[in-house]
Amino acid sequence: MLQTLRKAGGSLVMTVPKVFIEQNGLSEGSQVELHLQGKRMTVEAPVRPRYKLADLMAEMPEGLPSVEGWEEMPSVGLESG
């Protein structure tokens, strides 16, 4: 894919193809990783971690205060997992 560099202030800029943005769930303000090697530059969209509540809770230290009756409360959204 051929891109044309444009001047913006003291820098040169190029556009990111819409298909790359959509495939990687990017938007304005997203960060990407640039890899430079000689005349080659690659752009990588970082993988966003997917967390599960059970995994996060397993990492919690023991002895934290808890709310009485919390475990018996019914789900009201997408809490299950």
Protein backbone atom coordinates (compact mmCIF):
# COMPACT_ATOMS: atom_id res chain seq x y z
CA MET A 1 0.00 0.00 0.00
CA LEU A 2 1.49 3.30 -1.06
CA GLN A 3 1.06 6.30 1.27
CA THR A 4 1.89 9.97 0.71
CA LEU A 5 3.61 11.86 3.51
CA ARG A 6 2.15 15.27 4.33
CA LYS A 7 3.60 18.13 6.32
CA ALA A 8 1.94 18.97 9.65
CA GLY A 9 3.84 21.57 11.63
CA GLY A 10 7.44 20.41 11.83
CA SER A 11 6.57 16.74 11.19
CA LEU A 12 5.56 14.52 8.33
CA VAL A 13 2.38 12.49 8.79
CA MET A 14 0.54 9.73 6.99
CA THR A 15 -2.95 8.32 7.37
CA VAL A 16 -3.81 4.94 8.85
CA PRO A 17 -6.07 2.82 6.62
CA LYS A 18 -9.64 2.52 7.87
CA VAL A 19 -9.54 -1.28 7.64
CA PHE A 20 -6.57 -1.41 10.08
CA ILE A 21 -8.42 0.87 12.51
CA GLU A 22 -11.59 -1.23 12.36
CA GLN A 23 -9.80 -4.60 12.60
CA ASN A 24 -7.96 -3.50 15.73
CA GLY A 25 -10.68 -1.49 17.48
CA LEU A 26 -8.68 1.75 17.35
CA SER A 27 -9.96 5.31 17.63
CA GLU A 28 -8.60 8.81 18.06
CA GLY A 29 -6.20 8.77 21.02
CA SER A 30 -5.40 5.05 20.73
CA GLN A 31 -1.75 4.15 21.11
CA VAL A 32 0.13 1.88 18.72
CA GLU A 33 3.63 0.42 18.84
CA LEU A 34 6.09 1.41 16.09
CA HIS A 35 8.93 -0.97 15.25
CA LEU A 36 11.82 0.55 13.28
CA GLN A 37 14.42 -1.54 11.49
CA GLY A 38 16.52 0.17 8.84
CA LYS A 39 14.17 1.31 6.08
CA ARG A 40 11.29 -0.69 7.53
CA MET A 41 8.65 0.59 9.95
CA THR A 42 5.82 -1.62 11.19
CA VAL A 43 2.80 -0.56 13.21
CA GLU A 44 1.36 -2.91 15.83
CA ALA A 45 -1.89 -2.44 17.71
CA PRO A 46 -1.34 -3.72 21.27
CA VAL A 47 -3.57 -6.54 22.44
CA ARG A 48 -5.95 -5.38 25.12
CA PRO A 49 -6.11 -7.74 28.08
CA ARG A 50 -9.42 -9.43 28.83
CA TYR A 51 -10.04 -9.80 32.56
CA LYS A 52 -12.34 -12.22 34.35
CA LEU A 53 -13.77 -11.25 37.71
CA ALA A 54 -12.74 -14.56 39.28
CA ASP A 55 -9.10 -14.02 38.24
CA LEU A 56 -9.06 -10.47 39.61
CA MET A 57 -10.66 -11.57 42.88
CA ALA A 58 -8.08 -14.36 43.24
CA GLU A 59 -5.33 -11.71 43.23
CA MET A 60 -6.92 -9.72 46.07
CA PRO A 61 -5.09 -9.86 49.40
CA GLU A 62 -6.74 -11.67 52.30
CA GLY A 63 -8.31 -9.72 55.12
CA LEU A 64 -9.97 -6.96 53.11
CA PRO A 65 -13.26 -5.75 54.55
CA SER A 66 -16.35 -7.15 52.86
CA VAL A 67 -20.00 -6.13 52.77
CA GLU A 68 -22.28 -8.42 54.72
CA GLY A 69 -24.70 -10.24 52.40
CA TRP A 70 -22.71 -9.36 49.26
CA GLU A 71 -22.40 -12.99 48.13
CA GLU A 72 -26.16 -13.53 48.36
CA MET A 73 -27.10 -10.46 46.29
CA PRO A 74 -28.70 -11.31 42.91
CA SER A 75 -26.93 -10.36 39.67
CA VAL A 76 -28.28 -7.22 38.01
CA GLY A 77 -26.11 -7.10 34.90
CA LEU A 78 -23.20 -8.98 33.39
CA GLU A 79 -21.46 -9.87 36.67
CA SER A 80 -21.48 -13.63 36.19
CA GLY A 81 -18.22 -15.31 35.39
